[in-house]
Amino acid sequence: MVKAGLITEEQARLSEKSNIITRGLGIQSTVDIEITDNLSYQKGDRFLLCTDGIWGAVPEKKLVAMASYKENVEKVLNQLVEKIDAIGVASGGQHDNLTAALIEINP
């Protein structure tokens, strides 16, 4: 809905439907996947794979900036998780669990 311009990113993060799972691994024997053929990447690009406990905690631009710090991947990921966990603790400690992997292409 955000991509289609129907709602803002903030509305999506706060929506009661934000945690609805539309696809999952292990539920059925096959999984419908999305593949984007025109996604190019180059040396130094990073990919962040994460749960909604990280994705939903801050706006996308801030999350991208946090994952792009010019430090080694392990340090950046640890800092990112610590910052997002601190945001959750500051908001009463009722935040979602945090799981993430940060992958860098041939650093």
N, C-alpha and C. Protein backbone atom coordinates (compact mmCIF):
# COMPACT_ATOMS: atom_id res chain seq x y z
N MET A 1 0.81 -1.19 0.00
CA MET A 1 0.00 0.00 0.00
C MET A 1 0.86 1.26 0.00
N VAL A 2 2.04 1.18 0.67
CA VAL A 2 2.96 2.32 0.66
C VAL A 2 3.50 2.53 -0.75
N LYS A 3 3.93 1.43 -1.39
CA LYS A 3 4.46 1.54 -2.75
C LYS A 3 3.43 2.09 -3.72
N ALA A 4 2.17 1.76 -3.50
CA ALA A 4 1.09 2.24 -4.38
C ALA A 4 0.67 3.67 -4.04
N GLY A 5 1.21 4.24 -2.94
CA GLY A 5 0.87 5.60 -2.56
C GLY A 5 -0.45 5.74 -1.82
N LEU A 6 -0.98 4.62 -1.35
CA LEU A 6 -2.28 4.65 -0.66
C LEU A 6 -2.15 5.10 0.80
N ILE A 7 -1.03 4.77 1.42
CA ILE A 7 -0.77 5.19 2.79
C ILE A 7 0.70 5.58 2.91
N THR A 8 1.02 6.32 3.95
CA THR A 8 2.42 6.71 4.19
C THR A 8 3.15 5.59 4.91
N GLU A 9 4.46 5.68 4.93
CA GLU A 9 5.27 4.71 5.66
C GLU A 9 4.91 4.72 7.14
N GLU A 10 4.71 5.89 7.69
CA GLU A 10 4.35 6.01 9.11
C GLU A 10 3.00 5.34 9.38
N GLN A 11 2.03 5.55 8.50
CA GLN A 11 0.73 4.89 8.66
C GLN A 11 0.87 3.38 8.60
N ALA A 12 1.73 2.89 7.74
CA ALA A 12 1.95 1.45 7.62
C ALA A 12 2.58 0.89 8.89
N ARG A 13 3.56 1.59 9.44
CA ARG A 13 4.23 1.13 10.66
C ARG A 13 3.28 1.08 11.84
N LEU A 14 2.32 1.99 11.89
CA LEU A 14 1.40 2.08 13.03
C LEU A 14 0.09 1.31 12.82
N SER A 15 -0.09 0.75 11.65
CA SER A 15 -1.33 0.06 11.32
C SER A 15 -1.51 -1.21 12.14
N GLU A 16 -2.75 -1.51 12.49
CA GLU A 16 -3.05 -2.76 13.19
C GLU A 16 -2.80 -3.97 12.31
N LYS A 17 -2.65 -3.75 11.02
CA LYS A 17 -2.39 -4.84 10.07
C LYS A 17 -0.91 -4.96 9.72
N SER A 18 -0.05 -4.21 10.39
CA SER A 18 1.37 -4.19 10.03
C SER A 18 2.08 -5.51 10.28
N ASN A 19 1.56 -6.35 11.14
CA ASN A 19 2.22 -7.62 11.46
C ASN A 19 1.59 -8.82 10.78
N ILE A 20 0.74 -8.60 9.82
CA ILE A 20 0.12 -9.71 9.11
C ILE A 20 1.15 -10.36 8.21
N ILE A 21 1.29 -11.66 8.34
CA ILE A 21 2.26 -12.41 7.53
C ILE A 21 1.58 -12.82 6.24
N THR A 22 2.16 -12.43 5.12
CA THR A 22 1.58 -12.76 3.82
C THR A 22 2.27 -13.96 3.18
N ARG A 23 3.47 -14.26 3.65
CA ARG A 23 4.21 -15.43 3.18
C ARG A 23 5.11 -15.91 4.30
N GLY A 24 5.33 -17.21 4.36
CA GLY A 24 6.19 -17.74 5.41
C GLY A 24 6.87 -19.02 4.97
N LEU A 25 8.03 -19.29 5.50
CA LEU A 25 8.76 -20.52 5.19
C LEU A 25 8.33 -21.60 6.17
N GLY A 26 8.15 -22.81 5.66
CA GLY A 26 7.82 -23.95 6.50
C GLY A 26 6.34 -24.17 6.71
N ILE A 27 5.50 -23.27 6.25
CA ILE A 27 4.06 -23.41 6.43
C ILE A 27 3.50 -24.41 5.40
N GLN A 28 3.96 -24.30 4.17
CA GLN A 28 3.55 -25.20 3.11
C GLN A 28 4.82 -25.74 2.44
N SER A 29 4.65 -26.75 1.61
CA SER A 29 5.82 -27.36 0.96
C SER A 29 6.43 -26.46 -0.10
N THR A 30 5.67 -25.50 -0.63
CA THR A 30 6.20 -24.55 -1.60
C THR A 30 5.91 -23.13 -1.13
N VAL A 31 6.73 -22.20 -1.59
CA VAL A 31 6.58 -20.80 -1.21
C VAL A 31 6.61 -19.95 -2.47
N ASP A 32 5.65 -19.05 -2.60
CA ASP A 32 5.68 -18.09 -3.71
C ASP A 32 6.70 -17.01 -3.36
N ILE A 33 7.66 -16.82 -4.22
CA ILE A 33 8.69 -15.81 -3.97
C ILE A 33 8.62 -14.71 -5.01
N GLU A 34 9.13 -13.55 -4.64
CA GLU A 34 9.25 -12.43 -5.58
C GLU A 34 10.69 -12.33 -6.00
N ILE A 35 10.90 -12.23 -7.28
CA ILE A 35 12.25 -12.04 -7.80
C ILE A 35 12.24 -10.80 -8.67
N THR A 36 13.15 -9.90 -8.41
CA THR A 36 13.28 -8.70 -9.22
C THR A 36 14.53 -8.86 -10.07
N ASP A 37 14.33 -9.03 -11.36
CA ASP A 37 15.45 -9.26 -12.26
C ASP A 37 16.34 -8.04 -12.45
N ASN A 38 15.78 -6.86 -12.28
CA ASN A 38 16.55 -5.66 -12.59
C ASN A 38 17.25 -5.07 -11.36
N LEU A 39 17.41 -5.86 -10.32
CA LEU A 39 18.08 -5.39 -9.11
C LEU A 39 19.58 -5.59 -9.29
N SER A 40 20.29 -4.51 -9.49
CA SER A 40 21.74 -4.63 -9.65
C SER A 40 22.41 -4.24 -8.35
N TYR A 41 23.55 -4.79 -8.11
CA TYR A 41 24.33 -4.46 -6.92
C TYR A 41 25.79 -4.45 -7.30
N GLN A 42 26.58 -3.85 -6.45
CA GLN A 42 28.01 -3.76 -6.71
C GLN A 42 28.80 -3.93 -5.42
N LYS A 43 30.07 -4.06 -5.56
CA LYS A 43 30.95 -4.26 -4.42
C LYS A 43 30.70 -3.18 -3.37
N GLY A 44 30.55 -3.60 -2.14
CA GLY A 44 30.32 -2.67 -1.05
C GLY A 44 28.85 -2.47 -0.69
N ASP A 45 27.93 -2.89 -1.56
CA ASP A 45 26.51 -2.79 -1.24
C ASP A 45 26.19 -3.71 -0.07
N ARG A 46 25.19 -3.32 0.72
CA ARG A 46 24.78 -4.11 1.87
C ARG A 46 23.30 -4.45 1.76
N PHE A 47 22.97 -5.62 2.27
CA PHE A 47 21.59 -6.09 2.32
C PHE A 47 21.25 -6.38 3.78
N LEU A 48 20.15 -5.83 4.25
CA LEU A 48 19.70 -6.04 5.61
C LEU A 48 18.48 -6.95 5.58
N LEU A 49 18.60 -8.11 6.20
CA LEU A 49 17.48 -9.03 6.35
C LEU A 49 17.07 -8.95 7.81
N CYS A 50 15.81 -8.59 8.07
CA CYS A 50 15.43 -8.38 9.46
C CYS A 50 13.96 -8.63 9.71
N THR A 51 13.64 -8.82 10.98
CA THR A 51 12.25 -8.98 11.39
C THR A 51 11.60 -7.62 11.52
N ASP A 52 10.29 -7.63 11.71
CA ASP A 52 9.57 -6.37 11.84
C ASP A 52 9.90 -5.64 13.14
N GLY A 53 10.52 -6.33 14.08
CA GLY A 53 10.97 -5.65 15.30
C GLY A 53 12.03 -4.60 15.00
N ILE A 54 12.75 -4.79 13.92
CA ILE A 54 13.72 -3.79 13.46
C ILE A 54 13.09 -2.92 12.39
N TRP A 55 12.49 -3.56 11.39
CA TRP A 55 11.91 -2.83 10.25
C TRP A 55 10.87 -1.81 10.69
N GLY A 56 10.04 -2.17 11.66
CA GLY A 56 8.96 -1.29 12.07
C GLY A 56 9.33 -0.26 13.12
N ALA A 57 10.54 -0.32 13.63
CA ALA A 57 10.93 0.55 14.74
C ALA A 57 11.27 1.98 14.33
N VAL A 58 11.81 2.14 13.14
CA VAL A 58 12.23 3.46 12.67
C VAL A 58 11.86 3.61 11.19
N PRO A 59 11.74 4.84 10.71
CA PRO A 59 11.46 5.04 9.28
C PRO A 59 12.55 4.41 8.40
N GLU A 60 12.17 3.99 7.22
CA GLU A 60 13.08 3.30 6.30
C GLU A 60 14.37 4.09 6.05
N LYS A 61 14.27 5.38 5.80
CA LYS A 61 15.47 6.18 5.51
C LYS A 61 16.46 6.15 6.67
N LYS A 62 15.94 6.20 7.89
CA LYS A 62 16.82 6.15 9.06
C LYS A 62 17.45 4.77 9.18
N LEU A 63 16.69 3.72 8.93
CA LEU A 63 17.22 2.37 8.99
C LEU A 63 18.32 2.16 7.95
N VAL A 64 18.10 2.65 6.75
CA VAL A 64 19.11 2.55 5.68
C VAL A 64 20.37 3.31 6.10
N ALA A 65 20.20 4.49 6.66
CA ALA A 65 21.36 5.27 7.11
C ALA A 65 22.12 4.53 8.19
N MET A 66 21.41 3.94 9.12
CA MET A 66 22.05 3.20 10.21
C MET A 66 22.84 2.00 9.68
N ALA A 67 22.30 1.30 8.69
CA ALA A 67 22.96 0.12 8.12
C ALA A 67 24.11 0.50 7.20
N SER A 68 24.21 1.78 6.85
CA SER A 68 25.22 2.24 5.88
C SER A 68 26.46 2.86 6.52
N TYR A 69 26.52 2.90 7.85
CA TYR A 69 27.69 3.48 8.50
C TYR A 69 28.96 2.84 7.96
N LYS A 70 30.01 3.62 7.83
CA LYS A 70 31.27 3.15 7.25
C LYS A 70 32.13 2.43 8.30
N GLU A 71 31.58 1.40 8.87
CA GLU A 71 32.28 0.54 9.83
C GLU A 71 32.15 -0.89 9.31
N ASN A 72 32.81 -1.83 9.99
CA ASN A 72 32.66 -3.21 9.55
C ASN A 72 31.24 -3.68 9.85
N VAL A 73 30.79 -4.66 9.12
CA VAL A 73 29.40 -5.11 9.15
C VAL A 73 28.98 -5.55 10.54
N GLU A 74 29.82 -6.29 11.23
CA GLU A 74 29.47 -6.78 12.56
C GLU A 74 29.23 -5.62 13.53
N LYS A 75 30.10 -4.63 13.50
CA LYS A 75 29.96 -3.47 14.39
C LYS A 75 28.69 -2.68 14.05
N VAL A 76 28.44 -2.47 12.76
CA VAL A 76 27.25 -1.73 12.34
C VAL A 76 25.98 -2.45 12.78
N LEU A 77 25.95 -3.77 12.59
CA LEU A 77 24.77 -4.54 12.97
C LEU A 77 24.56 -4.49 14.48
N ASN A 78 25.62 -4.64 15.26
CA ASN A 78 25.48 -4.56 16.71
C ASN A 78 24.97 -3.20 17.15
N GLN A 79 25.50 -2.13 16.56
CA GLN A 79 25.04 -0.78 16.91
C GLN A 79 23.58 -0.58 16.52
N LEU A 80 23.21 -1.07 15.35
CA LEU A 80 21.83 -0.94 14.88
C LEU A 80 20.87 -1.62 15.85
N VAL A 81 21.17 -2.86 16.22
CA VAL A 81 20.30 -3.60 17.13
C VAL A 81 20.25 -2.93 18.50
N GLU A 82 21.38 -2.47 18.99
CA GLU A 82 21.41 -1.78 20.30
C GLU A 82 20.56 -0.52 20.28
N LYS A 83 20.67 0.26 19.21
CA LYS A 83 19.89 1.51 19.11
C LYS A 83 18.39 1.22 19.04
N ILE A 84 18.02 0.24 18.25
CA ILE A 84 16.60 -0.06 18.11
C ILE A 84 16.06 -0.68 19.40
N ASP A 85 16.84 -1.50 20.05
CA ASP A 85 16.41 -2.05 21.34
C ASP A 85 16.25 -0.92 22.36
N ALA A 86 17.15 0.06 22.35
CA ALA A 86 17.05 1.20 23.27
C ALA A 86 15.77 2.00 23.00
N ILE A 87 15.41 2.14 21.74
CA ILE A 87 14.15 2.82 21.40
C ILE A 87 12.98 2.07 22.01
N GLY A 88 12.99 0.74 21.91
CA GLY A 88 11.93 -0.07 22.48
C GLY A 88 11.87 0.02 23.99
N VAL A 89 13.02 -0.01 24.64
CA VAL A 89 13.07 0.10 26.09
C VAL A 89 12.55 1.46 26.52
N ALA A 90 12.93 2.51 25.80
CA ALA A 90 12.50 3.87 26.13
C ALA A 90 10.99 4.05 25.96
N SER A 91 10.39 3.22 25.11
CA SER A 91 8.94 3.34 24.90
C SER A 91 8.16 2.36 25.78
N GLY A 92 8.78 1.90 26.84
CA GLY A 92 8.07 1.07 27.82
C GLY A 92 8.45 -0.40 27.80
N GLY A 93 9.34 -0.79 26.92
CA GLY A 93 9.82 -2.16 26.90
C GLY A 93 8.87 -3.17 26.29
N GLN A 94 7.84 -2.72 25.65
CA GLN A 94 6.87 -3.64 25.05
C GLN A 94 7.13 -3.82 23.55
N HIS A 95 8.38 -3.64 23.12
CA HIS A 95 8.70 -3.74 21.70
C HIS A 95 8.85 -5.19 21.25
N ASP A 96 8.83 -5.37 19.96
CA ASP A 96 8.90 -6.68 19.33
C ASP A 96 10.33 -7.22 19.43
N ASN A 97 10.47 -8.53 19.20
CA ASN A 97 11.81 -9.12 19.19
C ASN A 97 12.62 -8.60 18.01
N LEU A 98 13.94 -8.70 18.11
CA LEU A 98 14.83 -8.15 17.09
C LEU A 98 15.71 -9.27 16.51
N THR A 99 15.65 -9.45 15.21
CA THR A 99 16.51 -10.41 14.54
C THR A 99 16.97 -9.77 13.23
N ALA A 100 18.27 -9.85 12.96
CA ALA A 100 18.77 -9.22 11.74
C ALA A 100 20.06 -9.87 11.26
N ALA A 101 20.29 -9.78 9.97
CA ALA A 101 21.55 -10.16 9.35
C ALA A 101 21.90 -9.06 8.38
N LEU A 102 23.13 -8.60 8.40
CA LEU A 102 23.62 -7.57 7.49
C LEU A 102 24.70 -8.20 6.62
N ILE A 103 24.48 -8.18 5.34
CA ILE A 103 25.37 -8.82 4.38
C ILE A 103 25.98 -7.76 3.49
N GLU A 104 27.31 -7.81 3.35
CA GLU A 104 28.01 -6.86 2.48
C GLU A 104 28.63 -7.63 1.33
N ILE A 105 28.46 -7.11 0.12
CA ILE A 105 28.99 -7.76 -1.08
C ILE A 105 30.48 -7.48 -1.21
N ASN A 106 31.29 -8.51 -1.17
CA ASN A 106 32.76 -8.42 -1.34
C ASN A 106 33.34 -7.11 -0.82
N PRO A 107 33.36 -6.95 0.50
CA PRO A 107 33.84 -5.67 1.06
C PRO A 107 35.25 -5.31 0.64
